[in-house]
């Protein structure tokens, strides 16, 4: 695989790459390292799954992949995870991430897992954090983290440290590339700005798009109808998809199309399998799609009706999620200990 092919694989299905020329140079030089961090707060869902599929692309492009389970960040962000639950939630996140990576067609054993508490309490890290805090204004830190950290009229200090620590994580993990949702753009632009003054290098940044919720608009962790949970059974997944916002001929805020584009079709491509929409003969019979682009074109032209698409999407998503659900169901203590208020 030449550099151009590796670049296409590393950059596909993304919202933005900063900067593309820098990524090309890294790939030309050898095997760059990329990391993504997850703060173990609420239960993981299908939105996380799409980023797992991207890790398979990075591995395929010959990149070294690290997953950071950012346990301390989970508490610093307005105590979204109580301190006494950090260990249990970190264990659940690690297990869920491994299950999703396997289900997405990648080799979880090829990925290095690290917890933030393993290095963020080291003396050198703490000293650099204090130096960075002394040089960064409150407004700059708030602006960087505005799309990630919970905002309030009386912000806590932890939310200000959050973007500085995420910046230092890039250097501490020797990451050439930082990967995350487009909501983290502000933090990684801060990283590119200040890391060179703190012994590191400005990372290349690859951003994943944020999926729309099934009920339209932004996906909400508190709205069960807006997302597919990793523990949802087939019936629940199909029911959510059939009730989903999917206006005829429209792409904007259409979570059904986005799930297909960023999760289902990449997994089917990995398996060399088509996507099949079953329809009665009177409405044209079954239709088979080998690419997402063809499906979207038919949907936008209203040659593919939502009433036919949504059941097919629900069945396909359920099949993709099933191995993850089964893995988690085999270890019920993970969710019980991580979220005792829900599973006890």
C-alpha atoms as a PDB file:
ATOM      1  CA  UNK A   1       0.000   0.000   0.000  1.00  0.00           C
ATOM      2  CA  UNK A   2       1.539   3.313  -1.086  1.00  0.00           C
ATOM      3  CA  UNK A   3       1.332   6.610   0.779  1.00  0.00           C
ATOM      4  CA  UNK A   4      -1.655   7.877  -1.201  1.00  0.00           C
ATOM      5  CA  UNK A   5      -3.653   4.719  -0.420  1.00  0.00           C
ATOM      6  CA  UNK A   6      -2.706   4.909   3.251  1.00  0.00           C
ATOM      7  CA  UNK A   7      -3.741   8.568   3.354  1.00  0.00           C
ATOM      8  CA  UNK A   8      -7.115   7.801   1.771  1.00  0.00           C
ATOM      9  CA  UNK A   9      -7.729   5.056   4.322  1.00  0.00           C
ATOM     10  CA  UNK A  10      -6.683   7.194   7.294  1.00  0.00           C
ATOM     11  CA  UNK A  11      -8.709  10.228   6.218  1.00  0.00           C
ATOM     12  CA  UNK A  12     -11.921   8.686   4.872  1.00  0.00           C
ATOM     13  CA  UNK A  13     -15.214   9.153   6.711  1.00  0.00           C
ATOM     14  CA  UNK A  14     -13.889  12.115   8.679  1.00  0.00           C
ATOM     15  CA  UNK A  15     -15.133  15.666   9.201  1.00  0.00           C
ATOM     16  CA  UNK A  16     -11.744  17.368   8.901  1.00  0.00           C
ATOM     17  CA  UNK A  17      -7.988  16.739   8.852  1.00  0.00           C
ATOM     18  CA  UNK A  18      -5.640  19.456  10.196  1.00  0.00           C
ATOM     19  CA  UNK A  19      -3.409  19.516   8.221  1.00  0.00           C
ATOM     20  CA  UNK A  20      -3.644  17.058   5.308  1.00  0.00           C
ATOM     21  CA  UNK A  21      -0.110  17.814   4.104  1.00  0.00           C
ATOM     22  CA  UNK A  22       1.249  17.022   7.569  1.00  0.00           C
ATOM     23  CA  UNK A  23      -0.571  13.683   7.658  1.00  0.00           C
ATOM     24  CA  UNK A  24       0.809  12.802   4.228  1.00  0.00           C
ATOM     25  CA  UNK A  25       4.319  13.614   5.432  1.00  0.00           C
ATOM     26  CA  UNK A  26       3.922  11.434   8.527  1.00  0.00           C
ATOM     27  CA  UNK A  27       2.723   8.505   6.436  1.00  0.00           C
ATOM     28  CA  UNK A  28       5.571   9.005   3.979  1.00  0.00           C
ATOM     29  CA  UNK A  29       8.060   8.863   6.840  1.00  0.00           C
ATOM     30  CA  UNK A  30       6.800   5.584   8.307  1.00  0.00           C
ATOM     31  CA  UNK A  31       4.247   4.441  10.887  1.00  0.00           C
ATOM     32  CA  UNK A  32       2.848   7.435  12.790  1.00  0.00           C
ATOM     33  CA  UNK A  33       1.097   6.976  16.107  1.00  0.00           C
ATOM     34  CA  UNK A  34      -2.511   8.028  16.667  1.00  0.00           C
ATOM     35  CA  UNK A  35      -4.504   8.198  19.871  1.00  0.00           C
ATOM     36  CA  UNK A  36      -8.109   8.699  20.862  1.00  0.00           C
ATOM     37  CA  UNK A  37      -9.332   9.339  24.384  1.00  0.00           C
ATOM     38  CA  UNK A  38     -12.615   8.362  25.998  1.00  0.00           C
ATOM     39  CA  UNK A  39     -13.684   9.777  29.367  1.00  0.00           C
ATOM     40  CA  UNK A  40     -15.600   6.989  31.151  1.00  0.00           C
ATOM     41  CA  UNK A  41     -18.797   8.826  32.036  1.00  0.00           C
ATOM     42  CA  UNK A  42     -22.159   7.591  30.746  1.00  0.00           C
ATOM     43  CA  UNK A  43     -22.792   4.277  29.011  1.00  0.00           C
ATOM     44  CA  UNK A  44     -21.222   3.867  25.589  1.00  0.00           C
ATOM     45  CA  UNK A  45     -23.513   3.833  22.556  1.00  0.00           C
ATOM     46  CA  UNK A  46     -23.500   3.571  18.785  1.00  0.00           C
ATOM     47  CA  UNK A  47     -21.961   7.017  18.398  1.00  0.00           C
ATOM     48  CA  UNK A  48     -18.796   5.644  19.992  1.00  0.00           C
ATOM     49  CA  UNK A  49     -18.980   2.613  17.689  1.00  0.00           C
ATOM     50  CA  UNK A  50     -18.394   4.731  14.590  1.00  0.00           C
ATOM     51  CA  UNK A  51     -15.048   5.909  15.985  1.00  0.00           C
ATOM     52  CA  UNK A  52     -14.073   2.286  16.700  1.00  0.00           C
ATOM     53  CA  UNK A  53     -14.604   1.507  13.040  1.00  0.00           C
ATOM     54  CA  UNK A  54     -12.180   4.338  12.233  1.00  0.00           C
ATOM     55  CA  UNK A  55      -9.501   2.721  14.405  1.00  0.00           C
ATOM     56  CA  UNK A  56      -9.633  -0.226  12.009  1.00  0.00           C
ATOM     57  CA  UNK A  57      -8.772   2.182   9.183  1.00  0.00           C
ATOM     58  CA  UNK A  58      -5.795   3.538  11.110  1.00  0.00           C
ATOM     59  CA  UNK A  59      -4.478   0.021  11.702  1.00  0.00           C
ATOM     60  CA  UNK A  60      -5.005  -0.789   8.035  1.00  0.00           C
ATOM     61  CA  UNK A  61      -2.997   2.305   7.115  1.00  0.00           C
ATOM     62  CA  UNK A  62      -0.055   1.018   9.146  1.00  0.00           C
ATOM     63  CA  UNK A  63      -0.466   3.410  12.058  1.00  0.00           C
ATOM     64  CA  UNK A  64       0.169   2.635  15.722  1.00  0.00           C
ATOM     65  CA  UNK A  65      -3.049   3.089  17.727  1.00  0.00           C
ATOM     66  CA  UNK A  66      -3.446   3.976  21.409  1.00  0.00           C
ATOM     67  CA  UNK A  67      -6.763   4.233  23.252  1.00  0.00           C
ATOM     68  CA  UNK A  68      -6.721   6.407  26.346  1.00  0.00           C
ATOM     69  CA  UNK A  69      -9.350   5.690  28.967  1.00  0.00           C
ATOM     70  CA  UNK A  70      -9.309   9.175  30.475  1.00  0.00           C
ATOM     71  CA  UNK A  71     -10.481   8.326  33.971  1.00  0.00           C
ATOM     72  CA  UNK A  72      -9.373  11.543  35.681  1.00  0.00           C
ATOM     73  CA  UNK A  73     -10.992  13.637  32.943  1.00  0.00           C
ATOM     74  CA  UNK A  74     -14.306  11.920  33.685  1.00  0.00           C
ATOM     75  CA  UNK A  75     -14.265  13.356  37.198  1.00  0.00           C
ATOM     76  CA  UNK A  76     -12.807  16.746  36.298  1.00  0.00           C
ATOM     77  CA  UNK A  77     -15.698  17.443  33.924  1.00  0.00           C
ATOM     78  CA  UNK A  78     -18.180  18.549  36.594  1.00  0.00           C
ATOM     79  CA  UNK A  79     -17.831  15.162  38.346  1.00  0.00           C
ATOM     80  CA  UNK A  80     -19.795  13.390  35.597  1.00  0.00           C
ATOM     81  CA  UNK A  81     -18.288  10.232  37.059  1.00  0.00           C
ATOM     82  CA  UNK A  82     -18.070  10.123  40.863  1.00  0.00           C
ATOM     83  CA  UNK A  83     -14.522   9.502  42.019  1.00  0.00           C
ATOM     84  CA  UNK A  84     -15.421   6.179  43.663  1.00  0.00           C
ATOM     85  CA  UNK A  85     -16.833   4.845  40.361  1.00  0.00           C
ATOM     86  CA  UNK A  86     -13.854   5.694  38.148  1.00  0.00           C
ATOM     87  CA  UNK A  87     -12.299   2.233  38.398  1.00  0.00           C
ATOM     88  CA  UNK A  88     -15.541   0.405  37.619  1.00  0.00           C
ATOM     89  CA  UNK A  89     -16.451   2.686  34.728  1.00  0.00           C
ATOM     90  CA  UNK A  90     -12.941   2.452  33.295  1.00  0.00           C
ATOM     91  CA  UNK A  91     -13.147  -1.342  33.377  1.00  0.00           C
ATOM     92  CA  UNK A  92     -16.528  -1.232  31.609  1.00  0.00           C
ATOM     93  CA  UNK A  93     -15.230   1.191  28.953  1.00  0.00           C
ATOM     94  CA  UNK A  94     -12.198  -0.978  28.234  1.00  0.00           C
ATOM     95  CA  UNK A  95     -14.356  -4.085  27.818  1.00  0.00           C
ATOM     96  CA  UNK A  96     -16.903  -2.282  25.636  1.00  0.00           C
ATOM     97  CA  UNK A  97     -14.203  -0.718  23.475  1.00  0.00           C
ATOM     98  CA  UNK A  98     -12.483  -4.056  22.899  1.00  0.00           C
ATOM     99  CA  UNK A  99     -15.840  -5.614  21.951  1.00  0.00           C
ATOM    100  CA  UNK A 100     -16.603  -2.803  19.498  1.00  0.00           C
ATOM    101  CA  UNK A 101     -13.147  -2.949  17.922  1.00  0.00           C
ATOM    102  CA  UNK A 102     -13.514  -6.684  17.373  1.00  0.00           C
ATOM    103  CA  UNK A 103     -17.024  -6.252  15.949  1.00  0.00           C
ATOM    104  CA  UNK A 104     -15.785  -3.502  13.636  1.00  0.00           C
ATOM    105  CA  UNK A 105     -13.324  -5.883  12.024  1.00  0.00           C
ATOM    106  CA  UNK A 106     -10.090  -4.754  13.680  1.00  0.00           C
ATOM    107  CA  UNK A 107      -7.663  -6.540  15.980  1.00  0.00           C
ATOM    108  CA  UNK A 108      -8.033  -5.196  19.516  1.00  0.00           C
ATOM    109  CA  UNK A 109      -4.760  -6.871  20.502  1.00  0.00           C
ATOM    110  CA  UNK A 110      -2.945  -4.543  18.098  1.00  0.00           C
ATOM    111  CA  UNK A 111      -4.131  -1.526  20.098  1.00  0.00           C
ATOM    112  CA  UNK A 112      -2.479  -0.245  23.258  1.00  0.00           C
ATOM    113  CA  UNK A 113      -4.765   0.722  26.142  1.00  0.00           C
ATOM    114  CA  UNK A 114      -3.693   3.317  28.710  1.00  0.00           C
ATOM    115  CA  UNK A 115      -5.499   4.968  31.607  1.00  0.00           C
ATOM    116  CA  UNK A 116      -4.944   8.619  32.334  1.00  0.00           C
ATOM    117  CA  UNK A 117      -4.179   7.993  36.005  1.00  0.00           C
ATOM    118  CA  UNK A 118      -1.216   5.853  34.960  1.00  0.00           C
ATOM    119  CA  UNK A 119       0.783   8.900  33.828  1.00  0.00           C
ATOM    120  CA  UNK A 120      -1.155  12.101  34.571  1.00  0.00           C
ATOM    121  CA  UNK A 121      -0.063  12.027  38.218  1.00  0.00           C
ATOM    122  CA  UNK A 122       3.644  11.802  37.380  1.00  0.00           C
ATOM    123  CA  UNK A 123       5.863  14.628  38.617  1.00  0.00           C
ATOM    124  CA  UNK A 124       6.999  15.805  35.168  1.00  0.00           C
ATOM    125  CA  UNK A 125       3.421  15.846  33.855  1.00  0.00           C
ATOM    126  CA  UNK A 126       2.172  17.777  36.901  1.00  0.00           C
ATOM    127  CA  UNK A 127       4.956  20.334  36.596  1.00  0.00           C
ATOM    128  CA  UNK A 128       4.236  20.928  32.908  1.00  0.00           C
ATOM    129  CA  UNK A 129       0.521  21.238  33.695  1.00  0.00           C
ATOM    130  CA  UNK A 130       1.262  23.985  36.228  1.00  0.00           C
ATOM    131  CA  UNK A 131       3.474  25.802  33.712  1.00  0.00           C
ATOM    132  CA  UNK A 132       0.748  25.626  31.104  1.00  0.00           C
ATOM    133  CA  UNK A 133      -1.902  26.779  33.604  1.00  0.00           C
ATOM    134  CA  UNK A 134       0.242  29.809  34.442  1.00  0.00           C
ATOM    135  CA  UNK A 135       0.425  30.793  30.776  1.00  0.00           C
ATOM    136  CA  UNK A 136      -3.184  30.127  29.702  1.00  0.00           C
ATOM    137  CA  UNK A 137      -6.003  32.568  30.339  1.00  0.00           C
ATOM    138  CA  UNK A 138      -9.308  31.382  31.770  1.00  0.00           C
ATOM    139  CA  UNK A 139     -11.165  32.589  28.686  1.00  0.00           C
ATOM    140  CA  UNK A 140      -8.799  30.655  26.375  1.00  0.00           C
ATOM    141  CA  UNK A 141      -9.299  27.431  28.330  1.00  0.00           C
ATOM    142  CA  UNK A 142     -13.073  27.901  28.434  1.00  0.00           C
ATOM    143  CA  UNK A 143     -13.209  28.612  24.722  1.00  0.00           C
ATOM    144  CA  UNK A 144     -11.161  25.516  23.907  1.00  0.00           C
ATOM    145  CA  UNK A 145     -13.369  23.208  25.970  1.00  0.00           C
ATOM    146  CA  UNK A 146     -16.736  24.840  25.321  1.00  0.00           C
ATOM    147  CA  UNK A 147     -18.035  21.972  23.162  1.00  0.00           C
ATOM    148  CA  UNK A 148     -16.751  19.224  25.451  1.00  0.00           C
ATOM    149  CA  UNK A 149     -16.903  20.246  29.098  1.00  0.00           C
ATOM    150  CA  UNK A 150     -20.241  20.845  30.795  1.00  0.00           C
ATOM    151  CA  UNK A 151     -20.821  24.578  31.056  1.00  0.00           C
ATOM    152  CA  UNK A 152     -22.470  26.459  33.910  1.00  0.00           C
ATOM    153  CA  UNK A 153     -22.745  29.980  35.299  1.00  0.00           C
ATOM    154  CA  UNK A 154     -20.241  28.991  37.970  1.00  0.00           C
ATOM    155  CA  UNK A 155     -17.646  26.773  36.232  1.00  0.00           C
ATOM    156  CA  UNK A 156     -15.452  24.528  38.337  1.00  0.00           C
ATOM    157  CA  UNK A 157     -11.675  24.603  38.118  1.00  0.00           C
ATOM    158  CA  UNK A 158     -11.588  21.007  36.847  1.00  0.00           C
ATOM    159  CA  UNK A 159     -13.242  22.072  33.609  1.00  0.00           C
ATOM    160  CA  UNK A 160     -10.426  24.560  33.023  1.00  0.00           C
ATOM    161  CA  UNK A 161      -7.715  21.980  33.651  1.00  0.00           C
ATOM    162  CA  UNK A 162      -9.434  19.498  31.327  1.00  0.00           C
ATOM    163  CA  UNK A 163      -8.253  21.005  27.983  1.00  0.00           C
ATOM    164  CA  UNK A 164      -4.740  21.581  29.317  1.00  0.00           C
ATOM    165  CA  UNK A 165      -4.454  17.953  30.407  1.00  0.00           C
ATOM    166  CA  UNK A 166      -5.833  16.731  27.087  1.00  0.00           C
ATOM    167  CA  UNK A 167      -3.163  18.814  25.394  1.00  0.00           C
ATOM    168  CA  UNK A 168      -0.423  17.311  27.560  1.00  0.00           C
ATOM    169  CA  UNK A 169      -1.785  13.815  26.920  1.00  0.00           C
ATOM    170  CA  UNK A 170      -0.811  14.153  23.258  1.00  0.00           C
ATOM    171  CA  UNK A 171       2.833  14.626  24.205  1.00  0.00           C
ATOM    172  CA  UNK A 172       2.819  12.134  27.089  1.00  0.00           C
ATOM    173  CA  UNK A 173       1.538   9.410  24.758  1.00  0.00           C
ATOM    174  CA  UNK A 174       4.007  10.339  21.980  1.00  0.00           C
ATOM    175  CA  UNK A 175       1.088  10.739  19.593  1.00  0.00           C
ATOM    176  CA  UNK A 176       1.750  12.150  16.149  1.00  0.00           C
ATOM    177  CA  UNK A 177      -1.984  12.285  15.459  1.00  0.00           C
ATOM    178  CA  UNK A 178      -4.875  13.202  17.760  1.00  0.00           C
ATOM    179  CA  UNK A 179      -8.236  11.702  16.775  1.00  0.00           C
ATOM    180  CA  UNK A 180     -11.562  12.741  18.247  1.00  0.00           C
ATOM    181  CA  UNK A 181     -15.012  14.107  17.546  1.00  0.00           C
ATOM    182  CA  UNK A 182     -15.308  17.458  15.814  1.00  0.00           C
ATOM    183  CA  UNK A 183     -16.572  18.837  19.137  1.00  0.00           C
ATOM    184  CA  UNK A 184     -12.977  18.503  20.385  1.00  0.00           C
ATOM    185  CA  UNK A 185     -11.599  20.799  17.705  1.00  0.00           C
ATOM    186  CA  UNK A 186     -11.152  23.700  20.114  1.00  0.00           C
ATOM    187  CA  UNK A 187      -9.022  21.622  22.482  1.00  0.00           C
ATOM    188  CA  UNK A 188      -6.770  20.238  19.776  1.00  0.00           C
ATOM    189  CA  UNK A 189      -6.320  23.648  18.178  1.00  0.00           C
ATOM    190  CA  UNK A 190      -5.075  24.748  21.609  1.00  0.00           C
ATOM    191  CA  UNK A 191      -2.738  21.744  21.555  1.00  0.00           C
ATOM    192  CA  UNK A 192      -1.306  22.752  18.196  1.00  0.00           C
ATOM    193  CA  UNK A 193      -0.822  26.277  19.505  1.00  0.00           C
ATOM    194  CA  UNK A 194       0.878  25.645  22.856  1.00  0.00           C
ATOM    195  CA  UNK A 195       2.536  22.206  22.769  1.00  0.00           C
ATOM    196  CA  UNK A 196       5.660  23.388  20.905  1.00  0.00           C
ATOM    197  CA  UNK A 197       6.362  25.717  23.852  1.00  0.00           C
ATOM    198  CA  UNK A 198       6.150  22.796  26.283  1.00  0.00           C
ATOM    199  CA  UNK A 199       8.539  20.306  24.773  1.00  0.00           C
ATOM    200  CA  UNK A 200       6.096  18.686  22.375  1.00  0.00           C
ATOM    201  CA  UNK A 201       5.093  18.976  18.727  1.00  0.00           C
ATOM    202  CA  UNK A 202       1.852  20.216  17.227  1.00  0.00           C
ATOM    203  CA  UNK A 203      -0.208  17.104  16.456  1.00  0.00           C
ATOM    204  CA  UNK A 204      -1.996  16.364  13.236  1.00  0.00           C
ATOM    205  CA  UNK A 205      -5.695  16.369  14.114  1.00  0.00           C
ATOM    206  CA  UNK A 206      -8.298  14.070  12.574  1.00  0.00           C
ATOM    207  CA  UNK A 207     -11.898  14.788  13.505  1.00  0.00           C
ATOM    208  CA  UNK A 208     -14.872  12.468  13.377  1.00  0.00           C
ATOM    209  CA  UNK A 209     -18.308  13.858  12.531  1.00  0.00           C
ATOM    210  CA  UNK A 210     -20.875  13.921  15.319  1.00  0.00           C
ATOM    211  CA  UNK A 211     -23.886  11.795  14.480  1.00  0.00           C
ATOM    212  CA  UNK A 212     -27.395  13.183  14.572  1.00  0.00           C
ATOM    213  CA  UNK A 213     -29.846  11.646  16.987  1.00  0.00           C
ATOM    214  CA  UNK A 214     -32.520   9.292  15.735  1.00  0.00           C
ATOM    215  CA  UNK A 215     -35.120  11.805  16.876  1.00  0.00           C
ATOM    216  CA  UNK A 216     -33.497  14.555  14.801  1.00  0.00           C
ATOM    217  CA  UNK A 217     -30.905  17.144  15.808  1.00  0.00           C
ATOM    218  CA  UNK A 218     -27.973  16.378  18.065  1.00  0.00           C
ATOM    219  CA  UNK A 219     -27.733  12.964  19.694  1.00  0.00           C
ATOM    220  CA  UNK A 220     -28.513  13.200  23.408  1.00  0.00           C
ATOM    221  CA  UNK A 221     -27.165  10.760  25.968  1.00  0.00           C
ATOM    222  CA  UNK A 222     -30.219  11.443  28.141  1.00  0.00           C
ATOM    223  CA  UNK A 223     -32.732  10.754  25.337  1.00  0.00           C
ATOM    224  CA  UNK A 224     -33.048   6.994  24.890  1.00  0.00           C
ATOM    225  CA  UNK A 225     -34.961   7.383  21.632  1.00  0.00           C
ATOM    226  CA  UNK A 226     -32.142   9.383  20.029  1.00  0.00           C
ATOM    227  CA  UNK A 227     -29.501   6.656  20.144  1.00  0.00           C
ATOM    228  CA  UNK A 228     -28.870   2.925  19.955  1.00  0.00           C
ATOM    229  CA  UNK A 229     -27.366   1.503  23.122  1.00  0.00           C
ATOM    230  CA  UNK A 230     -24.827  -1.292  23.021  1.00  0.00           C
ATOM    231  CA  UNK A 231     -27.177  -3.427  25.126  1.00  0.00           C
ATOM    232  CA  UNK A 232     -30.275  -2.886  22.967  1.00  0.00           C
ATOM    233  CA  UNK A 233     -31.665  -6.160  21.603  1.00  0.00           C
ATOM    234  CA  UNK A 234     -32.763  -6.605  18.000  1.00  0.00           C
ATOM    235  CA  UNK A 235     -36.373  -5.697  18.744  1.00  0.00           C
ATOM    236  CA  UNK A 236     -35.361  -2.457  20.492  1.00  0.00           C
ATOM    237  CA  UNK A 237     -32.971  -1.454  17.699  1.00  0.00           C
ATOM    238  CA  UNK A 238     -35.522  -2.087  14.941  1.00  0.00           C
ATOM    239  CA  UNK A 239     -38.202  -0.247  16.921  1.00  0.00           C
ATOM    240  CA  UNK A 240     -35.957   2.805  17.411  1.00  0.00           C
ATOM    241  CA  UNK A 241     -35.019   2.890  13.736  1.00  0.00           C
ATOM    242  CA  UNK A 242     -38.588   2.547  12.533  1.00  0.00           C
ATOM    243  CA  UNK A 243     -39.576   5.500  14.737  1.00  0.00           C
ATOM    244  CA  UNK A 244     -36.567   7.557  13.673  1.00  0.00           C
ATOM    245  CA  UNK A 245     -36.605  10.959  12.024  1.00  0.00           C
ATOM    246  CA  UNK A 246     -35.993  10.223   8.343  1.00  0.00           C
ATOM    247  CA  UNK A 247     -37.842  12.717   6.094  1.00  0.00           C
ATOM    248  CA  UNK A 248     -38.124  11.687   2.459  1.00  0.00           C
ATOM    249  CA  UNK A 249     -35.331  13.022   0.296  1.00  0.00           C
ATOM    250  CA  UNK A 250     -33.538  14.858   3.133  1.00  0.00           C
ATOM    251  CA  UNK A 251     -30.010  14.320   4.418  1.00  0.00           C
ATOM    252  CA  UNK A 252     -29.737  16.991   7.143  1.00  0.00           C
ATOM    253  CA  UNK A 253     -30.110  15.694  10.729  1.00  0.00           C
ATOM    254  CA  UNK A 254     -30.905  12.245   9.324  1.00  0.00           C
ATOM    255  CA  UNK A 255     -29.362   9.834  11.826  1.00  0.00           C
ATOM    256  CA  UNK A 256     -30.556   6.805   9.858  1.00  0.00           C
ATOM    257  CA  UNK A 257     -28.407   7.764   6.878  1.00  0.00           C
ATOM    258  CA  UNK A 258     -25.478   8.691   9.114  1.00  0.00           C
ATOM    259  CA  UNK A 259     -25.487   5.349  10.932  1.00  0.00           C
ATOM    260  CA  UNK A 260     -25.440   3.627   7.562  1.00  0.00           C
ATOM    261  CA  UNK A 261     -22.640   5.789   6.176  1.00  0.00           C
ATOM    262  CA  UNK A 262     -20.275   5.753   9.146  1.00  0.00           C
ATOM    263  CA  UNK A 263     -20.893   2.313  10.652  1.00  0.00           C
ATOM    264  CA  UNK A 264     -22.923  -0.165   8.618  1.00  0.00           C
ATOM    265  CA  UNK A 265     -21.362   0.302   5.180  1.00  0.00           C
ATOM    266  CA  UNK A 266     -17.745   0.371   6.466  1.00  0.00           C
ATOM    267  CA  UNK A 267     -18.383  -2.898   8.328  1.00  0.00           C
ATOM    268  CA  UNK A 268     -20.096  -4.449   5.288  1.00  0.00           C
ATOM    269  CA  UNK A 269     -17.184  -3.314   3.106  1.00  0.00           C
ATOM    270  CA  UNK A 270     -14.826  -5.088   5.496  1.00  0.00           C
ATOM    271  CA  UNK A 271     -16.904  -8.255   5.084  1.00  0.00           C
ATOM    272  CA  UNK A 272     -17.356  -7.736   1.326  1.00  0.00           C
ATOM    273  CA  UNK A 273     -21.139  -7.894   1.781  1.00  0.00           C
ATOM    274  CA  UNK A 274     -23.875  -5.733   0.210  1.00  0.00           C
ATOM    275  CA  UNK A 275     -26.687  -3.879   1.963  1.00  0.00           C
ATOM    276  CA  UNK A 276     -30.078  -5.280   1.030  1.00  0.00           C
ATOM    277  CA  UNK A 277     -33.375  -3.427   1.294  1.00  0.00           C
ATOM    278  CA  UNK A 278     -36.332  -5.793   1.101  1.00  0.00           C
ATOM    279  CA  UNK A 279     -39.374  -4.436  -0.734  1.00  0.00           C
ATOM    280  CA  UNK A 280     -42.601  -5.995  -2.049  1.00  0.00           C
ATOM    281  CA  UNK A 281     -42.556  -6.735  -5.762  1.00  0.00           C
ATOM    282  CA  UNK A 282     -45.305  -4.173  -6.321  1.00  0.00           C
ATOM    283  CA  UNK A 283     -42.878  -1.477  -5.120  1.00  0.00           C
ATOM    284  CA  UNK A 284     -39.949  -2.636  -7.212  1.00  0.00           C
ATOM    285  CA  UNK A 285     -38.750  -5.666  -5.251  1.00  0.00           C
ATOM    286  CA  UNK A 286     -35.558  -5.975  -3.247  1.00  0.00           C
ATOM    287  CA  UNK A 287     -32.745  -3.560  -3.986  1.00  0.00           C
ATOM    288  CA  UNK A 288     -29.057  -4.263  -3.317  1.00  0.00           C
ATOM    289  CA  UNK A 289     -26.466  -1.572  -2.585  1.00  0.00           C
ATOM    290  CA  UNK A 290     -22.712  -2.097  -2.750  1.00  0.00           C
ATOM    291  CA  UNK A 291     -21.925   1.488  -1.748  1.00  0.00           C
ATOM    292  CA  UNK A 292     -23.423   4.059   0.566  1.00  0.00           C
ATOM    293  CA  UNK A 293     -23.233   6.717  -2.146  1.00  0.00           C
ATOM    294  CA  UNK A 294     -25.673   4.802  -4.355  1.00  0.00           C
ATOM    295  CA  UNK A 295     -28.106   4.365  -1.470  1.00  0.00           C
ATOM    296  CA  UNK A 296     -27.998   8.044  -0.548  1.00  0.00           C
ATOM    297  CA  UNK A 297     -28.512   9.074  -4.164  1.00  0.00           C
ATOM    298  CA  UNK A 298     -31.642   6.906  -4.415  1.00  0.00           C
ATOM    299  CA  UNK A 299     -32.951   8.214  -1.097  1.00  0.00           C
ATOM    300  CA  UNK A 300     -32.428  11.867  -2.011  1.00  0.00           C
ATOM    301  CA  UNK A 301     -34.102  11.247  -5.375  1.00  0.00           C
ATOM    302  CA  UNK A 302     -36.993   9.628  -3.439  1.00  0.00           C
ATOM    303  CA  UNK A 303     -36.529   6.397  -5.327  1.00  0.00           C
ATOM    304  CA  UNK A 304     -35.925   4.685  -1.968  1.00  0.00           C
ATOM    305  CA  UNK A 305     -38.660   5.243   0.604  1.00  0.00           C
ATOM    306  CA  UNK A 306     -37.976   5.653   4.310  1.00  0.00           C
ATOM    307  CA  UNK A 307     -40.592   3.008   5.104  1.00  0.00           C
ATOM    308  CA  UNK A 308     -38.413   0.480   3.265  1.00  0.00           C
ATOM    309  CA  UNK A 309     -35.051   1.853   4.370  1.00  0.00           C
ATOM    310  CA  UNK A 310     -35.653   2.059   8.115  1.00  0.00           C
ATOM    311  CA  UNK A 311     -36.441  -1.650   8.742  1.00  0.00           C
ATOM    312  CA  UNK A 312     -33.386  -2.647   6.700  1.00  0.00           C
ATOM    313  CA  UNK A 313     -31.222  -0.187   8.605  1.00  0.00           C
ATOM    314  CA  UNK A 314     -32.549  -1.460  11.933  1.00  0.00           C
ATOM    315  CA  UNK A 315     -31.776  -5.067  11.046  1.00  0.00           C
ATOM    316  CA  UNK A 316     -28.273  -4.205   9.805  1.00  0.00           C
ATOM    317  CA  UNK A 317     -27.419  -2.074  12.844  1.00  0.00           C
ATOM    318  CA  UNK A 318     -28.706  -4.781  15.179  1.00  0.00           C
ATOM    319  CA  UNK A 319     -26.460  -7.327  13.472  1.00  0.00           C
ATOM    320  CA  UNK A 320     -23.431  -5.071  13.863  1.00  0.00           C
ATOM    321  CA  UNK A 321     -24.177  -4.377  17.537  1.00  0.00           C
ATOM    322  CA  UNK A 322     -25.101  -7.982  18.437  1.00  0.00           C
ATOM    323  CA  UNK A 323     -21.550  -9.260  19.203  1.00  0.00           C
ATOM    324  CA  UNK A 324     -20.962  -6.291  21.511  1.00  0.00           C
ATOM    325  CA  UNK A 325     -24.271  -6.817  23.297  1.00  0.00           C
ATOM    326  CA  UNK A 326     -23.502 -10.505  23.770  1.00  0.00           C
ATOM    327  CA  UNK A 327     -20.033  -9.738  25.150  1.00  0.00           C
ATOM    328  CA  UNK A 328     -21.465  -7.301  27.692  1.00  0.00           C
ATOM    329  CA  UNK A 329     -24.321  -9.613  28.639  1.00  0.00           C
ATOM    330  CA  UNK A 330     -21.767 -12.301  29.444  1.00  0.00           C
ATOM    331  CA  UNK A 331     -20.243  -9.954  32.045  1.00  0.00           C
ATOM    332  CA  UNK A 332     -23.217  -8.305  33.785  1.00  0.00           C
ATOM    333  CA  UNK A 333     -21.043  -7.184  36.688  1.00  0.00           C
ATOM    334  CA  UNK A 334     -19.392  -4.558  34.455  1.00  0.00           C
ATOM    335  CA  UNK A 335     -22.527  -2.466  34.065  1.00  0.00           C
ATOM    336  CA  UNK A 336     -23.792  -3.275  37.558  1.00  0.00           C
ATOM    337  CA  UNK A 337     -20.630  -1.951  39.197  1.00  0.00           C
ATOM    338  CA  UNK A 338     -20.185   0.990  36.812  1.00  0.00           C
ATOM    339  CA  UNK A 339     -23.777   2.231  37.027  1.00  0.00           C
ATOM    340  CA  UNK A 340     -25.214   0.873  40.292  1.00  0.00           C
ATOM    341  CA  UNK A 341     -28.061   3.399  40.306  1.00  0.00           C
ATOM    342  CA  UNK A 342     -29.412   1.832  37.081  1.00  0.00           C
ATOM    343  CA  UNK A 343     -28.438  -1.835  37.239  1.00  0.00           C
ATOM    344  CA  UNK A 344     -28.604  -2.718  40.961  1.00  0.00           C
END
